[in-house]
Protein backbone atom coordinates (compact mmCIF):
# COMPACT_ATOMS: atom_id res chain seq x y z
CA MET A 1 12.13 -37.25 -56.01
CA ARG A 2 10.21 -35.91 -59.00
CA LEU A 3 10.15 -38.97 -60.58
CA SER A 4 9.36 -41.21 -57.82
CA ILE A 5 6.32 -38.77 -57.19
CA VAL A 6 5.48 -38.84 -60.67
CA CYS A 7 5.66 -43.10 -60.41
CA LEU A 8 3.21 -42.80 -57.66
CA LEU A 9 0.59 -40.71 -59.47
CA ALA A 10 0.67 -43.05 -62.04
CA VAL A 11 -0.13 -46.20 -60.19
CA ILE A 12 -2.92 -44.28 -58.45
CA SER A 13 -4.07 -43.22 -61.79
CA THR A 14 -4.26 -46.76 -62.89
CA LEU A 15 -5.35 -48.49 -59.56
CA ALA A 16 -8.43 -45.66 -59.84
CA THR A 17 -9.50 -46.88 -63.61
CA ALA A 18 -8.76 -50.54 -62.95
CA ARG A 19 -10.90 -50.35 -60.12
CA PRO A 20 -14.74 -49.06 -60.42
CA ALA A 21 -15.37 -46.00 -57.99
CA GLU A 22 -18.39 -47.17 -55.34
CA ASN A 23 -21.54 -45.80 -56.07
CA ASN A 24 -20.37 -44.93 -59.64
CA LEU A 25 -23.33 -45.91 -61.27
CA PRO A 26 -24.00 -45.26 -64.98
CA PRO A 27 -25.75 -41.80 -65.42
CA THR A 28 -28.79 -43.41 -67.02
CA VAL A 29 -29.29 -45.86 -64.38
CA ALA A 30 -28.48 -43.00 -61.36
CA LYS A 31 -31.30 -41.12 -63.39
CA ALA A 32 -33.62 -43.65 -63.27
CA LEU A 33 -33.25 -44.75 -59.59
CA ALA A 34 -33.48 -40.95 -58.63
CA ALA A 35 -36.85 -41.26 -60.32
CA ALA A 36 -38.05 -44.02 -58.51
CA GLN A 37 -36.97 -42.44 -55.24
CA ILE A 38 -34.45 -45.45 -54.44
CA PRO A 39 -31.31 -44.15 -53.06
CA VAL A 40 -28.14 -45.92 -54.08
CA SER A 41 -27.32 -47.43 -50.46
CA ALA A 42 -30.64 -49.40 -51.21
CA VAL A 43 -28.71 -51.48 -54.29
CA GLY A 44 -26.40 -54.07 -54.87
CA VAL A 45 -24.43 -53.92 -58.33
CA VAL A 46 -22.13 -56.13 -60.31
CA VAL A 47 -20.92 -56.24 -63.69
CA GLN A 48 -17.97 -58.50 -65.12
CA ASP A 49 -16.99 -60.32 -67.97
CA ALA A 50 -17.86 -63.91 -67.65
CA GLY A 51 -14.41 -64.79 -67.93
CA SER A 52 -12.93 -62.65 -65.32
CA SER A 53 -12.77 -62.57 -61.58
CA ALA A 54 -12.58 -58.57 -61.59
CA SER A 55 -15.53 -56.18 -61.78
CA ARG A 56 -15.77 -53.74 -64.00
CA LEU A 57 -18.84 -51.56 -61.99
CA ALA A 58 -19.25 -52.91 -58.29
CA VAL A 59 -21.95 -50.89 -55.96
CA ASN A 60 -22.69 -52.34 -52.71
CA ALA A 61 -21.16 -55.65 -53.97
CA GLY A 62 -20.64 -57.42 -50.48
CA GLN A 63 -24.29 -56.27 -48.50
CA ALA A 64 -26.53 -58.93 -47.64
CA MET A 65 -29.48 -58.52 -49.38
CA ASN A 66 -33.16 -60.24 -50.25
CA PRO A 67 -32.56 -61.58 -53.42
CA ALA A 68 -36.10 -62.59 -54.15
CA SER A 69 -36.13 -65.40 -56.80
CA THR A 70 -32.67 -64.90 -57.91
CA MET A 71 -32.06 -67.43 -55.43
CA LYS A 72 -33.21 -70.00 -57.55
CA LEU A 73 -29.83 -69.73 -59.33
CA VAL A 74 -27.93 -71.22 -56.58
CA THR A 75 -30.21 -74.19 -56.03
CA THR A 76 -30.59 -74.92 -59.69
CA PHE A 77 -26.97 -74.58 -60.19
CA ALA A 78 -26.20 -76.72 -57.45
CA ALA A 79 -28.75 -79.43 -58.47
CA LEU A 80 -27.26 -79.61 -62.25
CA GLU A 81 -24.08 -80.31 -60.62
CA LEU A 82 -24.85 -82.61 -57.60
CA LEU A 83 -27.52 -84.56 -59.43
CA GLY A 84 -26.68 -84.43 -63.20
CA PRO A 85 -28.90 -82.91 -66.08
CA ALA A 86 -30.03 -86.36 -66.81
CA TYR A 87 -31.57 -87.11 -62.78
CA THR A 88 -35.42 -87.68 -63.26
CA TRP A 89 -37.76 -88.69 -60.56
CA LYS A 90 -40.16 -91.53 -60.28
CA THR A 91 -43.79 -91.96 -58.84
CA THR A 92 -45.06 -95.54 -58.28
CA ALA A 93 -48.20 -97.47 -57.45
CA TRP A 94 -47.81 -101.05 -55.37
CA SER A 95 -50.28 -103.33 -54.53
CA SER A 96 -50.45 -104.66 -50.85
CA GLY A 97 -52.95 -107.71 -51.56
CA THR A 98 -54.03 -110.37 -53.93
CA LEU A 99 -55.89 -109.42 -57.35
CA ASP A 100 -58.75 -111.84 -58.27
CA ASN A 101 -61.38 -111.08 -61.29
CA GLY A 102 -60.54 -107.44 -61.24
CA VAL A 103 -60.96 -106.75 -57.04
CA LEU A 104 -57.76 -105.70 -55.50
CA ALA A 105 -58.23 -107.54 -51.72
CA GLY A 106 -55.95 -104.85 -50.01
CA ASP A 107 -54.76 -101.39 -50.17
CA LEU A 108 -53.53 -99.35 -53.61
CA VAL A 109 -50.11 -97.64 -52.68
CA LEU A 110 -49.04 -94.66 -54.20
CA ARG A 111 -45.04 -93.65 -53.38
CA GLY A 112 -44.13 -90.42 -54.03
CA GLY A 113 -40.69 -89.62 -55.33
CA ALA A 114 -41.15 -85.98 -54.53
CA ASP A 115 -41.29 -85.47 -58.37
CA PRO A 116 -41.33 -81.67 -59.29
CA ARG A 117 -43.60 -81.76 -62.21
CA LEU A 118 -46.32 -84.77 -61.77
CA THR A 119 -48.92 -83.23 -63.68
CA PHE A 120 -52.54 -84.39 -63.81
CA GLU A 121 -51.81 -86.00 -67.50
CA GLN A 122 -49.02 -88.05 -65.95
CA PHE A 123 -50.97 -88.97 -62.89
CA TRP A 124 -53.41 -90.44 -65.58
CA LEU A 125 -50.83 -92.12 -67.12
CA LEU A 126 -49.70 -94.03 -63.76
CA LEU A 127 -53.69 -94.73 -62.91
CA ARG A 128 -54.26 -96.18 -66.40
CA GLN A 129 -51.21 -98.78 -66.17
CA VAL A 130 -52.96 -99.77 -62.98
CA ARG A 131 -56.12 -100.31 -64.90
CA ALA A 132 -54.10 -101.77 -67.58
CA ARG A 133 -52.83 -104.64 -65.00
CA GLY A 134 -56.47 -105.94 -64.05
CA VAL A 135 -57.31 -103.88 -61.14
CA ARG A 136 -60.77 -101.95 -61.07
CA GLN A 137 -62.04 -102.42 -57.63
CA ILE A 138 -59.75 -101.57 -54.34
CA ALA A 139 -61.13 -103.33 -51.40
CA GLY A 140 -58.94 -101.40 -49.42
CA ASP A 141 -57.42 -97.75 -49.01
CA LEU A 142 -56.01 -95.45 -51.17
CA VAL A 143 -52.32 -95.21 -49.13
CA LEU A 144 -50.07 -92.57 -49.65
CA ASP A 145 -45.95 -92.78 -49.26
CA ARG A 146 -44.99 -89.40 -49.00
CA SER A 147 -42.17 -90.08 -46.42
CA LEU A 148 -39.14 -88.61 -48.33
CA ILE A 149 -39.85 -85.12 -47.32
CA ALA A 150 -40.81 -84.01 -43.62
CA ALA A 151 -44.35 -83.04 -43.12
CA ALA A 152 -43.52 -80.04 -41.55
CA GLU A 153 -42.08 -78.48 -44.42
CA THR A 154 -45.56 -78.41 -46.17
CA ASP A 155 -47.50 -76.35 -43.65
CA SER A 156 -45.98 -72.56 -43.67
CA HIS A 157 -47.38 -69.83 -46.05
CA PHE A 158 -45.45 -67.20 -47.51
CA ASP A 159 -48.49 -64.53 -47.07
CA ASP A 160 -52.07 -64.53 -45.73
CA LYS A 161 -53.12 -65.89 -49.25
CA PRO A 162 -53.21 -69.71 -48.76
CA LEU A 163 -55.13 -70.43 -52.14
CA ARG A 164 -52.46 -68.38 -53.86
CA PRO A 165 -50.77 -71.02 -56.07
CA TYR A 166 -47.17 -69.70 -54.89
CA ASN A 167 -48.07 -70.84 -51.88
CA VAL A 168 -48.04 -74.13 -51.94
CA GLY A 169 -45.84 -76.04 -50.21
CA PRO A 170 -43.56 -79.05 -51.16
CA ASP A 171 -44.75 -82.90 -50.94
CA ALA A 172 -43.12 -86.09 -51.76
CA LEU A 173 -46.53 -86.80 -53.60
CA LEU A 174 -46.63 -83.02 -55.16
CA LEU A 175 -49.16 -83.28 -57.48
CA ASN A 176 -49.89 -81.10 -60.58
CA PHE A 177 -48.87 -78.38 -58.14
CA LYS A 178 -51.65 -79.23 -55.98
CA ALA A 179 -53.67 -76.58 -58.11
CA VAL A 180 -57.34 -76.09 -59.77
CA ARG A 181 -57.15 -74.18 -63.04
CA VAL A 182 -60.57 -72.20 -63.28
CA ARG A 183 -61.34 -70.90 -66.82
CA LEU A 184 -63.56 -68.15 -66.36
CA VAL A 185 -65.83 -67.78 -70.05
CA PRO A 186 -68.08 -64.93 -70.53
CA GLU A 187 -71.20 -65.22 -71.82
CA THR A 188 -72.70 -61.83 -72.87
CA ASP A 189 -75.92 -63.93 -74.40
CA LYS A 190 -76.97 -65.14 -70.91
CA GLN A 191 -75.04 -62.48 -68.92
CA THR A 192 -73.51 -65.31 -67.15
CA VAL A 193 -70.05 -66.12 -66.29
CA LEU A 194 -68.84 -69.55 -66.66
CA ALA A 195 -66.18 -71.29 -64.04
CA LEU A 196 -64.73 -74.72 -65.39
CA ALA A 197 -62.34 -76.32 -63.32
CA GLU A 198 -59.67 -78.93 -64.21
CA PRO A 199 -59.09 -81.15 -62.78
CA GLU A 200 -62.33 -81.65 -60.52
CA PRO A 201 -61.58 -83.07 -57.42
CA ALA A 202 -64.20 -85.61 -56.42
CA ASN A 203 -64.17 -84.00 -52.95
CA LEU A 204 -64.48 -80.41 -54.10
CA ASP A 205 -67.64 -78.31 -54.81
CA ILE A 206 -66.81 -75.44 -56.56
CA VAL A 207 -69.78 -72.68 -56.12
CA ASN A 208 -70.04 -70.03 -59.02
CA LEU A 209 -71.57 -66.91 -57.98
CA ILE A 210 -69.34 -64.68 -59.99
CA LYS A 211 -71.85 -61.82 -62.11
CA LEU A 212 -70.63 -60.66 -65.18
CA ARG A 213 -70.16 -56.70 -65.37
CA ALA A 214 -72.14 -54.84 -68.25
CA GLY A 215 -70.97 -52.03 -69.63
CA ASN A 216 -67.35 -51.92 -68.94
CA THR A 217 -65.07 -52.19 -71.93
CA ASP A 218 -61.38 -52.07 -69.64
CA CYS A 219 -60.52 -55.37 -68.35
CA GLY A 220 -57.56 -54.03 -66.15
CA ASP A 221 -56.60 -56.10 -62.84
CA TRP A 222 -59.60 -58.56 -63.44
CA LYS A 223 -58.68 -60.44 -60.30
CA GLU A 224 -58.97 -57.57 -58.08
CA GLY A 225 -62.82 -57.86 -58.66
CA LEU A 226 -62.62 -61.56 -57.69
CA ARG A 227 -62.69 -63.47 -54.26
CA ALA A 228 -62.24 -67.26 -53.70
CA ASP A 229 -63.36 -68.72 -50.47
CA LEU A 230 -62.68 -72.16 -49.24
CA THR A 231 -64.26 -74.26 -46.29
CA GLN A 232 -64.53 -77.66 -45.53
CA HIS A 233 -67.48 -79.85 -44.47
CA ALA A 234 -66.85 -83.19 -42.68
CA ASN A 235 -64.65 -85.08 -45.86
CA ARG A 236 -65.74 -82.71 -48.33
CA TRP A 237 -64.36 -79.16 -49.32
CA ARG A 238 -66.11 -76.14 -51.32
CA LEU A 239 -64.86 -73.46 -53.24
CA ALA A 240 -66.80 -70.32 -53.44
CA LEU A 241 -66.29 -68.06 -56.72
CA THR A 242 -67.75 -64.34 -56.10
CA GLY A 243 -67.47 -60.69 -57.65
CA SER A 244 -67.78 -59.46 -60.91
CA TYR A 245 -65.97 -60.15 -63.69
CA SER A 246 -65.68 -57.76 -67.08
CA ALA A 247 -66.68 -59.39 -70.76
CA ALA A 248 -63.97 -57.60 -71.92
CA CYS A 249 -61.59 -59.70 -70.49
CA GLY A 250 -62.52 -62.61 -72.39
CA GLU A 251 -61.16 -66.21 -71.18
CA LYS A 252 -58.92 -66.19 -68.25
CA ILE A 253 -57.05 -69.06 -66.14
CA TRP A 254 -57.62 -68.22 -62.60
CA ASN A 255 -55.20 -70.83 -60.67
CA HIS A 256 -55.94 -71.88 -57.41
CA GLY A 257 -53.58 -73.86 -54.69
CA LEU A 258 -56.61 -75.95 -53.05
CA LEU A 259 -56.60 -78.41 -50.12
CA PRO A 260 -54.29 -80.18 -47.99
CA HIS A 261 -51.96 -82.45 -49.84
CA PRO A 262 -53.51 -85.75 -49.00
CA ALA A 263 -57.20 -84.47 -49.62
CA TYR A 264 -55.99 -83.46 -52.88
CA ILE A 265 -54.61 -86.52 -54.28
CA HIS A 266 -57.70 -88.10 -53.06
CA GLY A 267 -59.89 -86.05 -54.90
CA VAL A 268 -58.12 -86.10 -58.01
CA PHE A 269 -57.55 -90.10 -57.52
CA GLU A 270 -61.59 -90.27 -57.00
CA GLN A 271 -61.89 -88.30 -59.97
CA LEU A 272 -59.62 -89.99 -62.41
CA TRP A 273 -60.60 -93.43 -61.14
CA ARG A 274 -64.10 -93.61 -61.98
CA GLU A 275 -63.54 -92.10 -65.26
CA LEU A 276 -61.57 -95.07 -65.48
CA GLY A 277 -63.99 -97.37 -64.89
CA GLY A 278 -62.64 -97.96 -61.19
CA SER A 279 -64.18 -97.78 -57.95
CA LEU A 280 -62.46 -97.44 -54.19
CA LYS A 281 -64.18 -98.93 -50.94
CA GLY A 282 -61.49 -97.22 -48.69
CA GLY A 283 -60.58 -94.01 -47.58
CA VAL A 284 -57.06 -92.04 -47.93
CA ARG A 285 -54.10 -92.57 -45.23
CA ASP A 286 -50.78 -91.78 -45.11
CA GLY A 287 -48.34 -95.06 -44.66
CA ALA A 288 -45.36 -96.86 -46.03
CA VAL A 289 -44.88 -99.25 -49.06
CA PRO A 290 -45.15 -102.79 -47.68
CA ALA A 291 -41.93 -104.83 -48.07
CA ASP A 292 -44.01 -107.68 -49.45
CA ALA A 293 -45.97 -105.00 -51.88
CA ARG A 294 -46.10 -105.55 -55.82
CA GLN A 295 -45.04 -102.94 -58.02
CA LEU A 296 -48.17 -102.24 -60.59
CA ALA A 297 -47.08 -98.84 -62.31
CA GLU A 298 -44.39 -96.49 -62.30
CA VAL A 299 -44.16 -92.74 -64.51
CA GLU A 300 -40.93 -91.26 -64.62
CA SER A 301 -40.55 -87.11 -64.91
CA PRO A 302 -38.78 -85.03 -67.26
CA THR A 303 -35.12 -84.56 -66.93
CA LEU A 304 -33.23 -82.33 -64.46
CA ALA A 305 -32.09 -80.13 -67.22
CA GLU A 306 -36.00 -79.84 -68.20
CA ILE A 307 -37.14 -79.28 -64.53
CA VAL A 308 -34.35 -76.46 -64.10
CA ARG A 309 -35.81 -74.87 -67.31
CA ASP A 310 -39.11 -74.67 -66.18
CA ILE A 311 -37.92 -73.38 -62.51
CA ASN A 312 -35.86 -70.20 -64.07
CA LYS A 313 -37.84 -69.54 -67.10
CA PHE A 314 -41.16 -69.40 -65.03
CA SER A 315 -39.64 -68.88 -61.52
CA ASN A 316 -41.65 -71.81 -60.20
CA ASN A 317 -41.59 -71.59 -56.85
CA VAL A 318 -43.21 -75.14 -55.57
CA MET A 319 -40.85 -76.77 -57.67
CA ALA A 320 -37.82 -75.21 -56.88
CA ARG A 321 -38.71 -76.32 -53.38
CA GLN A 322 -39.29 -79.81 -54.29
CA LEU A 323 -35.66 -79.19 -56.18
CA PHE A 324 -33.61 -77.86 -52.91
CA LEU A 325 -35.53 -80.68 -50.56
CA THR A 326 -34.20 -83.58 -53.39
CA LEU A 327 -30.77 -82.26 -52.66
CA GLY A 328 -31.38 -83.05 -49.11
CA VAL A 329 -33.11 -86.21 -49.83
CA GLU A 330 -29.56 -87.42 -51.93
CA SER A 331 -27.46 -86.41 -49.48
CA GLY A 332 -28.98 -89.59 -47.78
CA ARG A 333 -31.58 -87.91 -45.28
CA LYS A 334 -35.16 -89.34 -45.45
CA PRO A 335 -37.40 -87.61 -44.56
CA ALA A 336 -35.41 -84.45 -45.91
CA ARG A 337 -35.80 -81.23 -44.30
CA THR A 338 -34.65 -77.12 -44.79
CA GLU A 339 -31.70 -77.76 -42.95
CA ASP A 340 -30.76 -81.23 -44.82
CA ALA A 341 -30.90 -79.18 -47.91
CA ASP A 342 -29.29 -76.19 -46.63
CA ALA A 343 -26.14 -78.36 -45.46
CA ALA A 344 -26.08 -80.25 -48.89
CA VAL A 345 -25.87 -76.82 -50.80
CA ARG A 346 -23.36 -75.54 -48.58
CA ALA A 347 -21.26 -78.24 -48.98
CA TRP A 348 -21.54 -78.11 -52.54
CA LEU A 349 -20.46 -74.18 -52.70
CA ASP A 350 -17.41 -75.17 -50.13
CA GLY A 351 -16.24 -78.02 -52.68
CA ARG A 352 -16.60 -75.68 -55.46
CA GLY A 353 -14.21 -72.94 -53.13
CA LEU A 354 -17.42 -70.33 -53.00
CA ARG A 355 -17.47 -68.80 -49.68
CA PHE A 356 -20.68 -66.86 -49.33
CA PRO A 357 -20.59 -65.96 -45.46
CA GLU A 358 -23.81 -63.60 -45.64
CA LEU A 359 -25.64 -66.60 -47.39
CA VAL A 360 -28.92 -67.63 -45.80
CA LEU A 361 -31.13 -70.28 -46.94
CA ASP A 362 -34.83 -70.58 -46.23
CA ASN A 363 -36.39 -72.88 -48.86
CA GLY A 364 -34.16 -72.32 -51.80
CA SER A 365 -36.64 -70.71 -54.13
CA GLY A 366 -36.19 -67.09 -52.94
CA LEU A 367 -40.31 -66.65 -51.79
CA SER A 368 -38.87 -65.96 -48.34
CA ARG A 369 -38.37 -62.72 -46.24
CA ARG A 370 -35.09 -64.22 -44.22
CA GLU A 371 -33.00 -65.46 -47.66
CA ARG A 372 -29.87 -63.35 -48.22
CA LEU A 373 -27.34 -63.40 -50.76
CA SER A 374 -24.99 -60.31 -51.78
CA ALA A 375 -24.63 -59.01 -55.35
CA GLY A 376 -20.82 -59.72 -55.27
CA SER A 377 -21.79 -63.59 -54.49
CA LEU A 378 -24.24 -64.10 -56.83
CA ALA A 379 -21.66 -62.86 -59.81
CA ARG A 380 -18.68 -65.36 -58.27
CA LEU A 381 -21.57 -67.97 -58.43
CA LEU A 382 -22.52 -66.81 -62.01
CA ALA A 383 -18.88 -66.80 -63.33
CA SER A 384 -18.04 -70.34 -61.27
CA ALA A 385 -21.30 -71.41 -63.63
CA TRP A 386 -19.62 -69.88 -66.52
CA GLN A 387 -16.81 -72.31 -66.11
CA SER A 388 -18.57 -75.16 -65.88
CA PRO A 389 -19.13 -78.39 -68.05
CA LEU A 390 -22.84 -77.56 -67.55
CA MET A 391 -22.97 -73.95 -68.30
CA PRO A 392 -24.99 -74.55 -71.52
CA GLU A 393 -27.97 -76.47 -69.64
CA PHE A 394 -27.60 -73.74 -66.60
CA ILE A 395 -27.71 -70.55 -69.21
CA ALA A 396 -30.10 -72.06 -71.43
CA SER A 397 -32.53 -72.32 -68.48
CA LEU A 398 -32.63 -68.50 -67.97
CA PRO A 399 -35.45 -66.08 -69.30
CA LEU A 400 -34.35 -64.54 -72.91
CA ASN A 401 -35.33 -61.01 -72.89
CA ALA A 402 -37.92 -60.06 -75.65
CA VAL A 403 -38.59 -63.79 -75.89
CA ASP A 404 -39.78 -66.01 -73.12
CA GLY A 405 -40.43 -66.56 -69.02
CA THR A 406 -40.03 -63.87 -66.96
CA MET A 407 -38.13 -61.52 -69.47
CA ARG A 408 -40.31 -61.90 -72.63
CA LYS A 409 -41.96 -58.55 -72.32
CA ARG A 410 -38.81 -56.77 -71.25
CA LEU A 411 -35.99 -54.97 -73.79
CA ASN A 412 -38.13 -55.20 -77.04
CA GLY A 413 -37.62 -53.38 -80.13
CA ASN A 414 -33.80 -52.55 -79.61
CA GLY A 415 -30.10 -54.12 -80.11
CA ILE A 416 -30.18 -56.03 -76.84
CA ALA A 417 -33.61 -58.19 -77.86
CA GLY A 418 -32.84 -61.91 -77.58
CA ARG A 419 -29.24 -60.76 -76.30
CA ALA A 420 -29.70 -61.25 -72.10
CA HIS A 421 -30.27 -64.19 -70.13
CA ILE A 422 -31.71 -63.22 -67.05
CA LYS A 423 -33.26 -64.27 -63.79
CA THR A 424 -35.79 -61.96 -62.04
CA GLY A 425 -36.90 -61.67 -58.73
CA THR A 426 -40.01 -59.61 -57.32
CA LEU A 427 -41.53 -59.39 -53.77
CA GLU A 428 -43.03 -56.49 -52.18
CA GLY A 429 -39.82 -54.31 -51.51
CA VAL A 430 -37.66 -56.28 -53.66
CA LYS A 431 -36.61 -56.37 -57.21
CA THR A 432 -33.63 -58.37 -58.37
CA ILE A 433 -32.27 -59.33 -61.79
CA ALA A 434 -28.89 -61.58 -62.27
CA GLY A 435 -27.36 -63.23 -65.26
CA TYR A 436 -25.85 -62.91 -68.64
CA VAL A 437 -25.63 -59.61 -71.41
CA LEU A 438 -24.04 -60.78 -74.50
CA ASP A 439 -22.59 -57.37 -75.52
CA LYS A 440 -22.39 -55.54 -78.76
CA ASN A 441 -18.86 -56.78 -78.96
CA GLY A 442 -19.79 -60.42 -78.93
CA ARG A 443 -18.32 -60.69 -75.15
CA GLN A 444 -20.50 -62.83 -72.51
CA GLN A 445 -20.82 -60.37 -69.31
CA ILE A 446 -22.04 -61.05 -65.97
CA VAL A 447 -25.09 -58.47 -64.23
CA VAL A 448 -26.23 -58.71 -61.06
CA PHE A 449 -28.78 -55.80 -59.86
CA LEU A 450 -29.79 -56.43 -56.48
CA VAL A 451 -33.10 -53.89 -54.88
CA ASN A 452 -34.25 -53.70 -51.61
CA HIS A 453 -36.23 -51.02 -50.51
CA ALA A 454 -40.04 -49.83 -50.42
CA ASN A 455 -40.06 -48.28 -53.87
CA ALA A 456 -38.48 -51.32 -55.30
CA GLY A 457 -41.56 -52.07 -57.75
CA ALA A 458 -40.22 -48.83 -59.42
CA ALA A 459 -36.88 -50.28 -60.40
CA GLN A 460 -37.62 -51.95 -63.43
CA ALA A 461 -36.32 -48.87 -65.37
CA ALA A 462 -33.40 -48.87 -63.67
CA GLN A 463 -32.33 -52.42 -64.45
CA ASP A 464 -33.47 -52.51 -67.69
CA ALA A 465 -30.92 -49.13 -68.30
CA LEU A 466 -28.03 -51.05 -66.90
CA LEU A 467 -28.63 -53.95 -69.29
CA ALA A 468 -28.86 -51.81 -72.41
CA TRP A 469 -25.39 -49.89 -70.67
CA VAL A 470 -23.75 -53.32 -70.66
CA TYR A 471 -25.22 -54.26 -74.00
CA GLU A 472 -23.58 -50.98 -75.47
CA ALA A 473 -20.07 -52.56 -74.32
CA ASN A 474 -19.33 -48.90 -72.27
CA PRO A 475 -16.19 -48.86 -70.46
């Protein structure tokens, strides 16, 4: 009888050490959470060996939480496996009429392939090809074939700041992230601030009323003293820049997501086409490439492996949303909607044996108040990625602490610097990290730390403390 009791106690002891106790956070992490006034009930934490399915530390692992931009891990890993790392997007230009002595007697049609990174420079190359084919004057219209993505997907904003670049919606003809980069240049000798825009859409007037703030050597949060207002007058748009700017800030880039997609494309087209010596007689409208149209030009995106790197390193929301909808397109749904991309991702998860019952997908980028995922599910996703043949491409896309991306300034100057590939996520009331840490014994560890709380903005110290604890190879 006594032997049986001893055996039972031994089993209980073994189970207690094999399964970390709920809420048993490392002391440094618990202390940092307490200092931030964040209760343990508001966090989800998982730590486990990359090659293991058993967690070393699990706190609220099954709790559905807002993952913020760590949701991009789901979208990008799914895309790598479904599309392949060499997948590319193509944007093409077509003529719908005859060409005689430089005059195109018809429309120029631009067909969008949902390219997440069709830059200003790439668009210039496309139009340069059109000019090289002998087109100088377009007698008809500029026709935009944006049929791959449903128009309804482009209309919503995450918050009440529609000019912020993160609020740019996806589009089959997404051009230059629909952004205008305004370079602010203080001229102390003239007591003025230059506002230099690139690109300069031909249908946009920029009115610079920014004043140079004198006698202030503190730059601080320089955007707080500035304001941008966009208004429309007939077919033209006006961006008024007001406020004050300190000379101590030097030159800064102020990005804006401006104009509806068709108006932005039209304006940038007119700018570049004129610079190339061309002219457009007609206007701009949506439409499809005619069956008898002739292709004039084509530009191809970087590979998906490169696109995924941009998405994860710099947490690019509009690129993530483009990629998410591309999964819907490639599943055979045209025009693609959110529900099509959602179905494609869930089918892929099922095929991998990953059951995430709490998963809520909104746009695949994490820029959402609706999206939900648990720390445990994210850890299982990362464990599955570790076993994938595409693991190197996936991990290389994640920010490397103390080196690049959104982790560039974190955990500098100690042993862990350069040893953690971590995707970050931030919304108001949300602070998250998820990725891999190479501990000092040379073992890869999966780390997930989700915080959903009003004080989440103060959670970075606790998250960094967990990363340091994992690096030290604590049991």
